[in-house]
Amino acid sequence: MDITLSTMSTDRPILTISIAAKLLGVHPRTLMLYEKQEVYTSHRTDTKRRMFSINNLNTLQFIKFLTQEVGLNLMGVKTFFKAMEVANKAGVDLKKELFPQFQEKQLI
């Protein structure tokens, strides 16, 4: 059976932390820091290895944008994510409204 990205779920955790970090252009410790600060939670295998999906990479791209381009600290990112959840329930896409310049890149 041949698996392609078009047939694979974008939610399926398939990438190790080192591969995810390389694709994002950050150090693996940066992703660990996001998790330690509770900004983001990775998937874990039974042996506790961190794994990432394509959707995870997209979220991490946005976190990187907020910290490196906008200048938010991790507490600001965490707060913004909570605000996005509330706004989404009201039908408002805060990400598009406040950061139209953010362009998600296809990393895989």
Protein backbone atom coordinates (compact mmCIF):
# COMPACT_ATOMS: atom_id res chain seq x y z
CA MET A 1 0.00 0.00 0.00
CA ASP A 2 1.44 3.36 -1.05
CA ILE A 3 0.84 6.19 1.43
CA THR A 4 0.90 9.76 0.13
CA LEU A 5 0.32 13.02 1.95
CA SER A 6 -2.98 13.46 0.13
CA THR A 7 -4.33 10.21 1.62
CA MET A 8 -2.77 10.58 5.05
CA SER A 9 -4.59 12.31 7.89
CA THR A 10 -3.09 15.68 8.75
CA ASP A 11 -3.82 14.90 12.41
CA ARG A 12 -1.76 11.70 12.48
CA PRO A 13 1.46 12.17 14.50
CA ILE A 14 4.23 10.96 12.17
CA LEU A 15 7.22 13.22 12.81
CA THR A 16 9.78 13.07 15.60
CA ILE A 17 10.76 16.21 17.47
CA SER A 18 14.07 16.48 15.62
CA ILE A 19 12.37 16.33 12.20
CA ALA A 20 9.63 18.76 13.24
CA ALA A 21 12.21 21.21 14.60
CA LYS A 22 14.29 20.98 11.42
CA LEU A 23 11.24 21.65 9.23
CA LEU A 24 10.30 24.64 11.40
CA GLY A 25 13.84 26.00 11.55
CA VAL A 26 14.03 25.90 15.34
CA HIS A 27 16.00 23.90 17.87
CA PRO A 28 14.22 20.86 19.39
CA ARG A 29 14.63 22.50 22.81
CA THR A 30 12.41 25.34 21.56
CA LEU A 31 9.56 22.87 21.02
CA MET A 32 10.22 21.39 24.46
CA LEU A 33 10.07 24.91 25.93
CA TYR A 34 6.68 25.52 24.29
CA GLU A 35 5.45 22.36 25.96
CA LYS A 36 7.02 23.18 29.34
CA GLN A 37 5.36 26.62 29.30
CA GLU A 38 2.05 24.91 28.38
CA VAL A 39 1.72 26.86 25.14
CA TYR A 40 1.54 23.65 23.18
CA THR A 41 1.26 19.91 23.85
CA SER A 42 2.74 17.29 21.56
CA HIS A 43 1.47 13.78 21.01
CA ARG A 44 3.32 11.13 22.99
CA THR A 45 3.99 7.51 22.13
CA ASP A 46 3.69 4.73 24.70
CA THR A 47 7.40 5.22 25.36
CA LYS A 48 6.84 9.00 25.86
CA ARG A 49 8.52 10.12 22.62
CA ARG A 50 7.16 13.39 21.27
CA MET A 51 5.51 13.08 17.86
CA PHE A 52 4.04 15.75 15.59
CA SER A 53 1.39 15.82 12.88
CA ILE A 54 1.13 18.15 9.89
CA ASN A 55 -1.55 20.13 11.76
CA ASN A 56 0.84 20.41 14.73
CA LEU A 57 3.47 21.87 12.40
CA ASN A 58 0.96 24.46 11.21
CA THR A 59 0.19 25.51 14.80
CA LEU A 60 3.90 25.62 15.64
CA GLN A 61 4.53 27.83 12.59
CA PHE A 62 2.04 30.30 14.00
CA ILE A 63 3.65 30.19 17.45
CA LYS A 64 7.02 30.87 15.83
CA PHE A 65 5.49 33.79 13.90
CA LEU A 66 3.94 35.27 17.07
CA THR A 67 7.19 35.03 19.04
CA GLN A 68 9.71 35.95 16.35
CA GLU A 69 7.81 38.32 14.05
CA VAL A 70 5.19 39.89 16.34
CA GLY A 71 7.32 39.83 19.50
CA LEU A 72 4.92 38.12 21.89
CA ASN A 73 6.37 36.18 24.79
CA LEU A 74 5.07 32.67 25.49
CA MET A 75 2.53 33.90 28.05
CA GLY A 76 1.17 36.28 25.41
CA VAL A 77 0.95 33.44 22.89
CA LYS A 78 -0.86 31.26 25.43
CA THR A 79 -3.32 34.07 26.18
CA PHE A 80 -3.88 34.74 22.48
CA PHE A 81 -4.64 31.05 21.87
CA LYS A 82 -7.28 31.15 24.63
CA ALA A 83 -8.77 34.27 23.03
CA MET A 84 -8.81 32.48 19.65
CA GLU A 85 -10.84 29.63 21.17
CA VAL A 86 -13.44 32.06 22.53
CA ALA A 87 -13.57 34.02 19.27
CA ASN A 88 -13.90 30.83 17.18
CA LYS A 89 -17.01 29.90 19.18
CA ALA A 90 -18.45 33.27 18.16
CA GLY A 91 -17.50 32.69 14.53
CA VAL A 92 -14.55 35.09 14.48
CA ASP A 93 -11.16 34.02 13.12
CA LEU A 94 -8.79 36.16 15.19
CA LYS A 95 -5.74 34.79 13.42
CA LYS A 96 -6.95 36.10 10.05
CA GLU A 97 -8.39 39.30 11.51
CA LEU A 98 -5.31 40.36 13.48
CA PHE A 99 -2.50 38.78 11.47
CA PRO A 100 -3.46 38.77 7.79
CA GLN A 101 0.26 38.88 6.94
CA PHE A 102 0.81 35.40 8.41
CA GLN A 103 1.24 32.90 5.60
CA GLU A 104 1.30 29.24 6.55
CA LYS A 105 3.98 27.40 4.61
CA GLN A 106 3.62 23.84 3.40
CA LEU A 107 6.55 22.20 5.17
CA ILE A 108 5.99 18.67 3.88
